[in-house]
Amino acid sequence: MMEYKGYIGKVDFDYEARIFSGVVVNTKTVITFQGDSVDELEREFHASVDDYIQWCKEDGVEPEKPYSGKFNVRLQPSLHQKAAITARILNISLNSFIEKSVMDEVAKYNLA
């Protein structure tokens, strides 16, 4: 993973083409980049993000911010109930319980 100005890039390596390619993963807007070396990949990642921000400025639109921190979650009613009960047992809000649960899972992938 790479990070620049709050945008996170995920990188893959195409062994046959011998090239790194990446995509920004924390926006709905598709922002891609590629390079033959790590240094070039990093430069192109920064350039792609900067180009996107500049394009938005020229078109008079606000660049998409990498996530607001709000999202709706739909659960099966029985799971919703179990989560709410567990949160009450822990004496925390349901929101705090869900946030902690997500943080625990994200930590497994070193994304925190």
PDB file of N, CA and C in Angstrom:
ATOM      1  N   MET A   1       0.834  -1.179   0.000  1.00  0.00           N
ATOM      2  CA  MET A   1       0.000   0.000   0.000  1.00  0.00           C
ATOM      3  C   MET A   1       0.884   1.250   0.000  1.00  0.00           C
ATOM      4  N   MET A   2       0.386   2.283  -0.647  1.00  0.00           N
ATOM      5  CA  MET A   2       1.068   3.571  -0.702  1.00  0.00           C
ATOM      6  C   MET A   2       0.066   4.635  -0.271  1.00  0.00           C
ATOM      7  N   GLU A   3       0.543   5.732   0.345  1.00  0.00           N
ATOM      8  CA  GLU A   3      -0.338   6.799   0.780  1.00  0.00           C
ATOM      9  C   GLU A   3       0.241   8.139   0.361  1.00  0.00           C
ATOM     10  N   TYR A   4      -0.641   9.013  -0.171  1.00  0.00           N
ATOM     11  CA  TYR A   4      -0.247  10.357  -0.587  1.00  0.00           C
ATOM     12  C   TYR A   4      -1.463  11.255  -0.510  1.00  0.00           C
ATOM     13  N   LYS A   5      -1.364  12.317   0.282  1.00  0.00           N
ATOM     14  CA  LYS A   5      -2.451  13.297   0.455  1.00  0.00           C
ATOM     15  C   LYS A   5      -3.761  12.637   0.878  1.00  0.00           C
ATOM     16  N   GLY A   6      -3.665  11.567   1.649  1.00  0.00           N
ATOM     17  CA  GLY A   6      -4.855  10.865   2.115  1.00  0.00           C
ATOM     18  C   GLY A   6      -5.380   9.813   1.167  1.00  0.00           C
ATOM     19  N   TYR A   7      -4.827   9.725  -0.032  1.00  0.00           N
ATOM     20  CA  TYR A   7      -5.244   8.725  -1.012  1.00  0.00           C
ATOM     21  C   TYR A   7      -4.352   7.497  -0.858  1.00  0.00           C
ATOM     22  N   ILE A   8      -4.958   6.313  -0.900  1.00  0.00           N
ATOM     23  CA  ILE A   8      -4.227   5.059  -0.702  1.00  0.00           C
ATOM     24  C   ILE A   8      -4.194   4.287  -2.012  1.00  0.00           C
ATOM     25  N   GLY A   9      -2.979   3.923  -2.423  1.00  0.00           N
ATOM     26  CA  GLY A   9      -2.796   3.161  -3.646  1.00  0.00           C
ATOM     27  C   GLY A   9      -2.449   1.719  -3.361  1.00  0.00           C
ATOM     28  N   LYS A  10      -3.101   0.811  -4.057  1.00  0.00           N
ATOM     29  CA  LYS A  10      -2.812  -0.619  -3.983  1.00  0.00           C
ATOM     30  C   LYS A  10      -2.051  -0.989  -5.247  1.00  0.00           C
ATOM     31  N   VAL A  11      -0.978  -1.731  -5.084  1.00  0.00           N
ATOM     32  CA  VAL A  11      -0.084  -2.032  -6.196  1.00  0.00           C
ATOM     33  C   VAL A  11      -0.060  -3.525  -6.492  1.00  0.00           C
ATOM     34  N   ASP A  12      -0.053  -3.864  -7.768  1.00  0.00           N
ATOM     35  CA  ASP A  12       0.131  -5.236  -8.228  1.00  0.00           C
ATOM     36  C   ASP A  12       1.305  -5.265  -9.187  1.00  0.00           C
ATOM     37  N   PHE A  13       1.890  -6.443  -9.350  1.00  0.00           N
ATOM     38  CA  PHE A  13       3.007  -6.603 -10.277  1.00  0.00           C
ATOM     39  C   PHE A  13       2.605  -7.592 -11.354  1.00  0.00           C
ATOM     40  N   ASP A  14       2.712  -7.169 -12.612  1.00  0.00           N
ATOM     41  CA  ASP A  14       2.446  -8.043 -13.756  1.00  0.00           C
ATOM     42  C   ASP A  14       3.776  -8.654 -14.167  1.00  0.00           C
ATOM     43  N   TYR A  15       3.955  -9.919 -13.828  1.00  0.00           N
ATOM     44  CA  TYR A  15       5.236 -10.581 -14.063  1.00  0.00           C
ATOM     45  C   TYR A  15       5.571 -10.651 -15.555  1.00  0.00           C
ATOM     46  N   GLU A  16       4.593 -10.963 -16.387  1.00  0.00           N
ATOM     47  CA  GLU A  16       4.857 -11.086 -17.828  1.00  0.00           C
ATOM     48  C   GLU A  16       5.237  -9.743 -18.453  1.00  0.00           C
ATOM     49  N   ALA A  17       4.520  -8.682 -18.095  1.00  0.00           N
ATOM     50  CA  ALA A  17       4.804  -7.357 -18.653  1.00  0.00           C
ATOM     51  C   ALA A  17       5.951  -6.674 -17.908  1.00  0.00           C
ATOM     52  N   ARG A  18       6.314  -7.231 -16.744  1.00  0.00           N
ATOM     53  CA  ARG A  18       7.391  -6.675 -15.905  1.00  0.00           C
ATOM     54  C   ARG A  18       7.102  -5.218 -15.536  1.00  0.00           C
ATOM     55  N   ILE A  19       5.862  -4.975 -15.081  1.00  0.00           N
ATOM     56  CA  ILE A  19       5.464  -3.610 -14.727  1.00  0.00           C
ATOM     57  C   ILE A  19       4.586  -3.632 -13.475  1.00  0.00           C
ATOM     58  N   PHE A  20       4.753  -2.604 -12.667  1.00  0.00           N
ATOM     59  CA  PHE A  20       3.888  -2.403 -11.513  1.00  0.00           C
ATOM     60  C   PHE A  20       2.692  -1.572 -11.963  1.00  0.00           C
ATOM     61  N   SER A  21       1.510  -1.920 -11.483  1.00  0.00           N
ATOM     62  CA  SER A  21       0.340  -1.093 -11.760  1.00  0.00           C
ATOM     63  C   SER A  21      -0.418  -0.911 -10.450  1.00  0.00           C
ATOM     64  N   GLY A  22      -1.023   0.250 -10.327  1.00  0.00           N
ATOM     65  CA  GLY A  22      -1.725   0.538  -9.092  1.00  0.00           C
ATOM     66  C   GLY A  22      -3.026   1.255  -9.320  1.00  0.00           C
ATOM     67  N   VAL A  23      -3.838   1.263  -8.284  1.00  0.00           N
ATOM     68  CA  VAL A  23      -5.123   1.937  -8.300  1.00  0.00           C
ATOM     69  C   VAL A  23      -5.368   2.519  -6.910  1.00  0.00           C
ATOM     70  N   VAL A  24      -5.963   3.701  -6.872  1.00  0.00           N
ATOM     71  CA  VAL A  24      -6.355   4.301  -5.606  1.00  0.00           C
ATOM     72  C   VAL A  24      -7.594   3.552  -5.127  1.00  0.00           C
ATOM     73  N   VAL A  25      -7.538   3.055  -3.886  1.00  0.00           N
ATOM     74  CA  VAL A  25      -8.610   2.189  -3.392  1.00  0.00           C
ATOM     75  C   VAL A  25      -9.576   2.863  -2.435  1.00  0.00           C
ATOM     76  N   ASN A  26      -9.318   4.107  -2.061  1.00  0.00           N
ATOM     77  CA  ASN A  26     -10.228   4.726  -1.096  1.00  0.00           C
ATOM     78  C   ASN A  26     -11.037   5.881  -1.691  1.00  0.00           C
ATOM     79  N   THR A  27     -11.358   5.754  -2.994  1.00  0.00           N
ATOM     80  CA  THR A  27     -12.284   6.673  -3.651  1.00  0.00           C
ATOM     81  C   THR A  27     -13.150   5.878  -4.620  1.00  0.00           C
ATOM     82  N   LYS A  28     -14.279   6.451  -4.984  1.00  0.00           N
ATOM     83  CA  LYS A  28     -15.108   5.849  -6.027  1.00  0.00           C
ATOM     84  C   LYS A  28     -14.541   6.190  -7.401  1.00  0.00           C
ATOM     85  N   THR A  29     -13.885   7.351  -7.485  1.00  0.00           N
ATOM     86  CA  THR A  29     -13.255   7.774  -8.730  1.00  0.00           C
ATOM     87  C   THR A  29     -12.109   6.818  -9.051  1.00  0.00           C
ATOM     88  N   VAL A  30     -11.999   6.410 -10.308  1.00  0.00           N
ATOM     89  CA  VAL A  30     -10.918   5.513 -10.712  1.00  0.00           C
ATOM     90  C   VAL A  30      -9.663   6.344 -10.978  1.00  0.00           C
ATOM     91  N   ILE A  31      -8.638   6.115 -10.167  1.00  0.00           N
ATOM     92  CA  ILE A  31      -7.345   6.783 -10.317  1.00  0.00           C
ATOM     93  C   ILE A  31      -6.304   5.676 -10.394  1.00  0.00           C
ATOM     94  N   THR A  32      -5.611   5.590 -11.544  1.00  0.00           N
ATOM     95  CA  THR A  32      -4.636   4.516 -11.748  1.00  0.00           C
ATOM     96  C   THR A  32      -3.243   5.096 -11.988  1.00  0.00           C
ATOM     97  N   PHE A  33      -2.245   4.227 -11.882  1.00  0.00           N
ATOM     98  CA  PHE A  33      -0.858   4.626 -12.111  1.00  0.00           C
ATOM     99  C   PHE A  33      -0.052   3.364 -12.365  1.00  0.00           C
ATOM    100  N   GLN A  34       1.125   3.531 -13.001  1.00  0.00           N
ATOM    101  CA  GLN A  34       2.008   2.380 -13.245  1.00  0.00           C
ATOM    102  C   GLN A  34       3.443   2.833 -13.390  1.00  0.00           C
ATOM    103  N   GLY A  35       4.354   1.886 -13.249  1.00  0.00           N
ATOM    104  CA  GLY A  35       5.766   2.202 -13.391  1.00  0.00           C
ATOM    105  C   GLY A  35       6.607   0.946 -13.496  1.00  0.00           C
ATOM    106  N   ASP A  36       7.819   1.120 -14.025  1.00  0.00           N
ATOM    107  CA  ASP A  36       8.748   0.000 -14.191  1.00  0.00           C
ATOM    108  C   ASP A  36       9.582  -0.258 -12.936  1.00  0.00           C
ATOM    109  N   SER A  37       9.654   0.720 -12.042  1.00  0.00           N
ATOM    110  CA  SER A  37      10.440   0.588 -10.816  1.00  0.00           C
ATOM    111  C   SER A  37       9.630   1.156  -9.655  1.00  0.00           C
ATOM    112  N   VAL A  38      10.085   0.896  -8.463  1.00  0.00           N
ATOM    113  CA  VAL A  38       9.403   1.421  -7.283  1.00  0.00           C
ATOM    114  C   VAL A  38       9.435   2.947  -7.300  1.00  0.00           C
ATOM    115  N   ASP A  39      10.589   3.523  -7.643  1.00  0.00           N
ATOM    116  CA  ASP A  39      10.692   4.986  -7.698  1.00  0.00           C
ATOM    117  C   ASP A  39       9.734   5.576  -8.734  1.00  0.00           C
ATOM    118  N   GLU A  40       9.689   4.975  -9.916  1.00  0.00           N
ATOM    119  CA  GLU A  40       8.782   5.469 -10.951  1.00  0.00           C
ATOM    120  C   GLU A  40       7.323   5.289 -10.528  1.00  0.00           C
ATOM    121  N   LEU A  41       7.027   4.162  -9.914  1.00  0.00           N
ATOM    122  CA  LEU A  41       5.675   3.897  -9.443  1.00  0.00           C
ATOM    123  C   LEU A  41       5.234   4.965  -8.438  1.00  0.00           C
ATOM    124  N   GLU A  42       6.100   5.308  -7.509  1.00  0.00           N
ATOM    125  CA  GLU A  42       5.777   6.325  -6.518  1.00  0.00           C
ATOM    126  C   GLU A  42       5.565   7.694  -7.173  1.00  0.00           C
ATOM    127  N   ARG A  43       6.447   8.053  -8.120  1.00  0.00           N
ATOM    128  CA  ARG A  43       6.287   9.321  -8.839  1.00  0.00           C
ATOM    129  C   ARG A  43       4.961   9.357  -9.584  1.00  0.00           C
ATOM    130  N   GLU A  44       4.622   8.276 -10.250  1.00  0.00           N
ATOM    131  CA  GLU A  44       3.389   8.217 -11.033  1.00  0.00           C
ATOM    132  C   GLU A  44       2.147   8.223 -10.141  1.00  0.00           C
ATOM    133  N   PHE A  45       2.238   7.605  -8.983  1.00  0.00           N
ATOM    134  CA  PHE A  45       1.145   7.644  -8.019  1.00  0.00           C
ATOM    135  C   PHE A  45       0.885   9.086  -7.591  1.00  0.00           C
ATOM    136  N   HIS A  46       1.938   9.778  -7.205  1.00  0.00           N
ATOM    137  CA  HIS A  46       1.811  11.188  -6.799  1.00  0.00           C
ATOM    138  C   HIS A  46       1.271  12.028  -7.961  1.00  0.00           C
ATOM    139  N   ALA A  47       1.793  11.800  -9.149  1.00  0.00           N
ATOM    140  CA  ALA A  47       1.354  12.571 -10.320  1.00  0.00           C
ATOM    141  C   ALA A  47      -0.126  12.311 -10.625  1.00  0.00           C
ATOM    142  N   SER A  48      -0.565  11.068 -10.506  1.00  0.00           N
ATOM    143  CA  SER A  48      -1.968  10.747 -10.786  1.00  0.00           C
ATOM    144  C   SER A  48      -2.902  11.425  -9.789  1.00  0.00           C
ATOM    145  N   VAL A  49      -2.528  11.411  -8.521  1.00  0.00           N
ATOM    146  CA  VAL A  49      -3.348  12.078  -7.506  1.00  0.00           C
ATOM    147  C   VAL A  49      -3.364  13.585  -7.761  1.00  0.00           C
ATOM    148  N   ASP A  50      -2.173  14.159  -8.018  1.00  0.00           N
ATOM    149  CA  ASP A  50      -2.094  15.596  -8.291  1.00  0.00           C
ATOM    150  C   ASP A  50      -2.891  15.972  -9.542  1.00  0.00           C
ATOM    151  N   ASP A  51      -2.815  15.140 -10.588  1.00  0.00           N
ATOM    152  CA  ASP A  51      -3.587  15.383 -11.817  1.00  0.00           C
ATOM    153  C   ASP A  51      -5.083  15.357 -11.534  1.00  0.00           C
ATOM    154  N   TYR A  52      -5.514  14.405 -10.729  1.00  0.00           N
ATOM    155  CA  TYR A  52      -6.925  14.298 -10.381  1.00  0.00           C
ATOM    156  C   TYR A  52      -7.390  15.552  -9.649  1.00  0.00           C
ATOM    157  N   ILE A  53      -6.607  15.992  -8.671  1.00  0.00           N
ATOM    158  CA  ILE A  53      -6.952  17.192  -7.904  1.00  0.00           C
ATOM    159  C   ILE A  53      -6.988  18.417  -8.815  1.00  0.00           C
ATOM    160  N   GLN A  54      -6.014  18.527  -9.718  1.00  0.00           N
ATOM    161  CA  GLN A  54      -5.963  19.655 -10.658  1.00  0.00           C
ATOM    162  C   GLN A  54      -7.146  19.616 -11.624  1.00  0.00           C
ATOM    163  N   TRP A  55      -7.482  18.434 -12.120  1.00  0.00           N
ATOM    164  CA  TRP A  55      -8.619  18.276 -13.026  1.00  0.00           C
ATOM    165  C   TRP A  55      -9.902  18.746 -12.342  1.00  0.00           C
ATOM    166  N   CYS A  56     -10.075  18.347 -11.084  1.00  0.00           N
ATOM    167  CA  CYS A  56     -11.258  18.772 -10.329  1.00  0.00           C
ATOM    168  C   CYS A  56     -11.298  20.289 -10.196  1.00  0.00           C
ATOM    169  N   LYS A  57     -10.152  20.878  -9.896  1.00  0.00           N
ATOM    170  CA  LYS A  57     -10.073  22.333  -9.731  1.00  0.00           C
ATOM    171  C   LYS A  57     -10.456  23.036 -11.035  1.00  0.00           C
ATOM    172  N   GLU A  58      -9.927  22.558 -12.153  1.00  0.00           N
ATOM    173  CA  GLU A  58     -10.217  23.165 -13.452  1.00  0.00           C
ATOM    174  C   GLU A  58     -11.684  23.020 -13.838  1.00  0.00           C
ATOM    175  N   ASP A  59     -12.315  21.911 -13.446  1.00  0.00           N
ATOM    176  CA  ASP A  59     -13.725  21.680 -13.759  1.00  0.00           C
ATOM    177  C   ASP A  59     -14.663  22.266 -12.717  1.00  0.00           C
ATOM    178  N   GLY A  60     -14.089  22.842 -11.670  1.00  0.00           N
ATOM    179  CA  GLY A  60     -14.906  23.467 -10.637  1.00  0.00           C
ATOM    180  C   GLY A  60     -15.666  22.495  -9.757  1.00  0.00           C
ATOM    181  N   VAL A  61     -15.134  21.290  -9.634  1.00  0.00           N
ATOM    182  CA  VAL A  61     -15.764  20.303  -8.752  1.00  0.00           C
ATOM    183  C   VAL A  61     -14.838  20.005  -7.575  1.00  0.00           C
ATOM    184  N   GLU A  62     -15.441  19.618  -6.481  1.00  0.00           N
ATOM    185  CA  GLU A  62     -14.678  19.291  -5.281  1.00  0.00           C
ATOM    186  C   GLU A  62     -14.063  17.898  -5.458  1.00  0.00           C
ATOM    187  N   PRO A  63     -12.751  17.756  -5.239  1.00  0.00           N
ATOM    188  CA  PRO A  63     -12.157  16.409  -5.322  1.00  0.00           C
ATOM    189  C   PRO A  63     -12.818  15.480  -4.312  1.00  0.00           C
ATOM    190  N   GLU A  64     -13.005  14.268  -4.727  1.00  0.00           N
ATOM    191  CA  GLU A  64     -13.599  13.294  -3.822  1.00  0.00           C
ATOM    192  C   GLU A  64     -12.671  13.084  -2.637  1.00  0.00           C
ATOM    193  N   LYS A  65     -13.189  13.254  -1.454  1.00  0.00           N
ATOM    194  CA  LYS A  65     -12.402  13.047  -0.250  1.00  0.00           C
ATOM    195  C   LYS A  65     -12.348  11.549   0.030  1.00  0.00           C
ATOM    196  N   PRO A  66     -11.206  11.087   0.488  1.00  0.00           N
ATOM    197  CA  PRO A  66     -11.104   9.664   0.820  1.00  0.00           C
ATOM    198  C   PRO A  66     -11.933   9.301   2.055  1.00  0.00           C
ATOM    199  N   TYR A  67     -13.205   9.058   1.866  1.00  0.00           N
ATOM    200  CA  TYR A  67     -14.145   8.583   2.870  1.00  0.00           C
ATOM    201  C   TYR A  67     -14.456   9.587   3.964  1.00  0.00           C
ATOM    202  N   SER A  68     -15.701   9.631   4.339  1.00  0.00           N
ATOM    203  CA  SER A  68     -16.191  10.593   5.321  1.00  0.00           C
ATOM    204  C   SER A  68     -16.172  10.046   6.739  1.00  0.00           C
ATOM    205  N   GLY A  69     -16.141   8.722   6.895  1.00  0.00           N
ATOM    206  CA  GLY A  69     -16.229   8.139   8.226  1.00  0.00           C
ATOM    207  C   GLY A  69     -17.647   7.687   8.559  1.00  0.00           C
ATOM    208  N   LYS A  70     -18.574   7.885   7.627  1.00  0.00           N
ATOM    209  CA  LYS A  70     -19.965   7.476   7.845  1.00  0.00           C
ATOM    210  C   LYS A  70     -20.350   6.460   6.778  1.00  0.00           C
ATOM    211  N   PHE A  71     -21.020   5.389   7.217  1.00  0.00           N
ATOM    212  CA  PHE A  71     -21.584   4.448   6.264  1.00  0.00           C
ATOM    213  C   PHE A  71     -22.685   3.648   6.955  1.00  0.00           C
ATOM    214  N   ASN A  72     -23.639   3.175   6.180  1.00  0.00           N
ATOM    215  CA  ASN A  72     -24.739   2.372   6.713  1.00  0.00           C
ATOM    216  C   ASN A  72     -24.346   0.905   6.650  1.00  0.00           C
ATOM    217  N   VAL A  73     -24.707   0.194   7.683  1.00  0.00           N
ATOM    218  CA  VAL A  73     -24.436  -1.240   7.739  1.00  0.00           C
ATOM    219  C   VAL A  73     -25.765  -1.957   7.887  1.00  0.00           C
ATOM    220  N   ARG A  74     -25.982  -2.972   7.080  1.00  0.00           N
ATOM    221  CA  ARG A  74     -27.191  -3.772   7.199  1.00  0.00           C
ATOM    222  C   ARG A  74     -26.791  -5.144   7.725  1.00  0.00           C
ATOM    223  N   LEU A  75     -27.436  -5.526   8.804  1.00  0.00           N
ATOM    224  CA  LEU A  75     -27.165  -6.815   9.438  1.00  0.00           C
ATOM    225  C   LEU A  75     -28.450  -7.621   9.519  1.00  0.00           C
ATOM    226  N   GLN A  76     -28.307  -8.913   9.656  1.00  0.00           N
ATOM    227  CA  GLN A  76     -29.473  -9.733   9.954  1.00  0.00           C
ATOM    228  C   GLN A  76     -29.984  -9.289  11.327  1.00  0.00           C
ATOM    229  N   PRO A  77     -31.274  -9.247  11.522  1.00  0.00           N
ATOM    230  CA  PRO A  77     -31.813  -8.787  12.808  1.00  0.00           C
ATOM    231  C   PRO A  77     -31.208  -9.503  14.019  1.00  0.00           C
ATOM    232  N   SER A  78     -30.986 -10.797  13.908  1.00  0.00           N
ATOM    233  CA  SER A  78     -30.428 -11.538  15.057  1.00  0.00           C
ATOM    234  C   SER A  78     -28.997 -11.105  15.361  1.00  0.00           C
ATOM    235  N   LEU A  79     -28.215 -10.800  14.329  1.00  0.00           N
ATOM    236  CA  LEU A  79     -26.846 -10.329  14.547  1.00  0.00           C
ATOM    237  C   LEU A  79     -26.852  -8.921  15.115  1.00  0.00           C
ATOM    238  N   HIS A  80     -27.764  -8.093  14.628  1.00  0.00           N
ATOM    239  CA  HIS A  80     -27.926  -6.737  15.159  1.00  0.00           C
ATOM    240  C   HIS A  80     -28.221  -6.808  16.661  1.00  0.00           C
ATOM    241  N   GLN A  81     -29.128  -7.683  17.032  1.00  0.00           N
ATOM    242  CA  GLN A  81     -29.491  -7.841  18.436  1.00  0.00           C
ATOM    243  C   GLN A  81     -28.289  -8.305  19.262  1.00  0.00           C
ATOM    244  N   LYS A  82     -27.560  -9.296  18.774  1.00  0.00           N
ATOM    245  CA  LYS A  82     -26.398  -9.813  19.508  1.00  0.00           C
ATOM    246  C   LYS A  82     -25.327  -8.737  19.667  1.00  0.00           C
ATOM    247  N   ALA A  83     -25.108  -7.939  18.619  1.00  0.00           N
ATOM    248  CA  ALA A  83     -24.120  -6.863  18.695  1.00  0.00           C
ATOM    249  C   ALA A  83     -24.553  -5.814  19.716  1.00  0.00           C
ATOM    250  N   ALA A  84     -25.835  -5.456  19.720  1.00  0.00           N
ATOM    251  CA  ALA A  84     -26.349  -4.452  20.661  1.00  0.00           C
ATOM    252  C   ALA A  84     -26.240  -4.958  22.099  1.00  0.00           C
ATOM    253  N   ILE A  85     -26.567  -6.203  22.317  1.00  0.00           N
ATOM    254  CA  ILE A  85     -26.469  -6.788  23.664  1.00  0.00           C
ATOM    255  C   ILE A  85     -25.015  -6.822  24.114  1.00  0.00           C
ATOM    256  N   THR A  86     -24.130  -7.248  23.239  1.00  0.00           N
ATOM    257  CA  THR A  86     -22.704  -7.295  23.578  1.00  0.00           C
ATOM    258  C   THR A  86     -22.184  -5.908  23.915  1.00  0.00           C
ATOM    259  N   ALA A  87     -22.573  -4.908  23.140  1.00  0.00           N
ATOM    260  CA  ALA A  87     -22.145  -3.531  23.408  1.00  0.00           C
ATOM    261  C   ALA A  87     -22.627  -3.086  24.787  1.00  0.00           C
ATOM    262  N   ARG A  88     -23.867  -3.407  25.135  1.00  0.00           N
ATOM    263  CA  ARG A  88     -24.391  -3.027  26.462  1.00  0.00           C
ATOM    264  C   ARG A  88     -23.635  -3.733  27.568  1.00  0.00           C
ATOM    265  N   ILE A  89     -23.309  -5.004  27.367  1.00  0.00           N
ATOM    266  CA  ILE A  89     -22.530  -5.749  28.367  1.00  0.00           C
ATOM    267  C   ILE A  89     -21.173  -5.093  28.567  1.00  0.00           C
ATOM    268  N   LEU A  90     -20.572  -4.624  27.466  1.00  0.00           N
ATOM    269  CA  LEU A  90     -19.261  -3.957  27.530  1.00  0.00           C
ATOM    270  C   LEU A  90     -19.378  -2.504  27.979  1.00  0.00           C
ATOM    271  N   ASN A  91     -20.611  -2.032  28.147  1.00  0.00           N
ATOM    272  CA  ASN A  91     -20.882  -0.649  28.559  1.00  0.00           C
ATOM    273  C   ASN A  91     -20.325   0.366  27.562  1.00  0.00           C
ATOM    274  N   ILE A  92     -20.502   0.065  26.281  1.00  0.00           N
ATOM    275  CA  ILE A  92     -20.110   0.980  25.209  1.00  0.00           C
ATOM    276  C   ILE A  92     -21.273   1.092  24.225  1.00  0.00           C
ATOM    277  N   SER A  93     -21.217   2.114  23.383  1.00  0.00           N
ATOM    278  CA  SER A  93     -22.275   2.275  22.381  1.00  0.00           C
ATOM    279  C   SER A  93     -22.131   1.204  21.296  1.00  0.00           C
ATOM    280  N   LEU A  94     -23.232   0.967  20.601  1.00  0.00           N
ATOM    281  CA  LEU A  94     -23.189   0.030  19.473  1.00  0.00           C
ATOM    282  C   LEU A  94     -22.195   0.525  18.428  1.00  0.00           C
ATOM    283  N   ASN A  95     -22.173   1.838  18.194  1.00  0.00           N
ATOM    284  CA  ASN A  95     -21.224   2.412  17.241  1.00  0.00           C
ATOM    285  C   ASN A  95     -19.780   2.100  17.652  1.00  0.00           C
ATOM    286  N   SER A  96     -19.459   2.285  18.939  1.00  0.00           N
ATOM    287  CA  SER A  96     -18.098   1.999  19.427  1.00  0.00           C
ATOM    288  C   SER A  96     -17.778   0.517  19.294  1.00  0.00           C
ATOM    289  N   PHE A  97     -18.757  -0.332  19.558  1.00  0.00           N
ATOM    290  CA  PHE A  97     -18.542  -1.771  19.415  1.00  0.00           C
ATOM    291  C   PHE A  97     -18.226  -2.144  17.966  1.00  0.00           C
ATOM    292  N   ILE A  98     -19.016  -1.603  17.021  1.00  0.00           N
ATOM    293  CA  ILE A  98     -18.781  -1.891  15.599  1.00  0.00           C
ATOM    294  C   ILE A  98     -17.427  -1.338  15.177  1.00  0.00           C
ATOM    295  N   GLU A  99     -17.098  -0.105  15.600  1.00  0.00           N
ATOM    296  CA  GLU A  99     -15.814   0.493  15.253  1.00  0.00           C
ATOM    297  C   GLU A  99     -14.663  -0.367  15.767  1.00  0.00           C
ATOM    298  N   LYS A 100     -14.741  -0.825  17.020  1.00  0.00           N
ATOM    299  CA  LYS A 100     -13.683  -1.671  17.583  1.00  0.00           C
ATOM    300  C   LYS A 100     -13.568  -2.986  16.808  1.00  0.00           C
ATOM    301  N   SER A 101     -14.704  -3.571  16.464  1.00  0.00           N
ATOM    302  CA  SER A 101     -14.694  -4.837  15.719  1.00  0.00           C
ATOM    303  C   SER A 101     -14.023  -4.668  14.357  1.00  0.00           C
ATOM    304  N   VAL A 102     -14.358  -3.579  13.670  1.00  0.00           N
ATOM    305  CA  VAL A 102     -13.745  -3.313  12.361  1.00  0.00           C
ATOM    306  C   VAL A 102     -12.250  -3.048  12.527  1.00  0.00           C
ATOM    307  N   MET A 103     -11.885  -2.268  13.547  1.00  0.00           N
ATOM    308  CA  MET A 103     -10.466  -1.969  13.791  1.00  0.00           C
ATOM    309  C   MET A 103      -9.674  -3.250  14.050  1.00  0.00           C
ATOM    310  N   ASP A 104     -10.249  -4.179  14.814  1.00  0.00           N
ATOM    311  CA  ASP A 104      -9.582  -5.451  15.091  1.00  0.00           C
ATOM    312  C   ASP A 104      -9.326  -6.235  13.800  1.00  0.00           C
ATOM    313  N   GLU A 105     -10.286  -6.237  12.895  1.00  0.00           N
ATOM    314  CA  GLU A 105     -10.123  -6.954  11.623  1.00  0.00           C
ATOM    315  C   GLU A 105      -9.125  -6.250  10.711  1.00  0.00           C
ATOM    316  N   VAL A 106      -9.200  -4.929  10.640  1.00  0.00           N
ATOM    317  CA  VAL A 106      -8.282  -4.152   9.786  1.00  0.00           C
ATOM    318  C   VAL A 106      -6.854  -4.335  10.255  1.00  0.00           C
ATOM    319  N   ALA A 107      -6.648  -4.389  11.567  1.00  0.00           N
ATOM    320  CA  ALA A 107      -5.303  -4.548  12.136  1.00  0.00           C
ATOM    321  C   ALA A 107      -4.630  -5.830  11.636  1.00  0.00           C
ATOM    322  N   LYS A 108      -5.398  -6.832  11.313  1.00  0.00           N
ATOM    323  CA  LYS A 108      -4.849  -8.087  10.798  1.00  0.00           C
ATOM    324  C   LYS A 108      -4.140  -7.895   9.462  1.00  0.00           C
ATOM    325  N   TYR A 109      -4.471  -6.815   8.754  1.00  0.00           N
ATOM    326  CA  TYR A 109      -3.892  -6.536   7.441  1.00  0.00           C
ATOM    327  C   TYR A 109      -2.934  -5.341   7.470  1.00  0.00           C
ATOM    328  N   ASN A 110      -2.553  -4.926   8.665  1.00  0.00           N
ATOM    329  CA  ASN A 110      -1.619  -3.811   8.848  1.00  0.00           C
ATOM    330  C   ASN A 110      -2.065  -2.539   8.134  1.00  0.00           C
ATOM    331  N   LEU A 111      -3.365  -2.272   8.135  1.00  0.00           N
ATOM    332  CA  LEU A 111      -3.903  -1.077   7.486  1.00  0.00           C
ATOM    333  C   LEU A 111      -4.142   0.048   8.468  1.00  0.00           C
ATOM    334  N   ALA A 112      -3.999  -0.239   9.741  1.00  0.00           N
ATOM    335  CA  ALA A 112      -4.288   0.788  10.756  1.00  0.00           C
ATOM    336  C   ALA A 112      -3.267   1.896  10.758  1.00  0.00           C
TER     337      ALA A 112
END
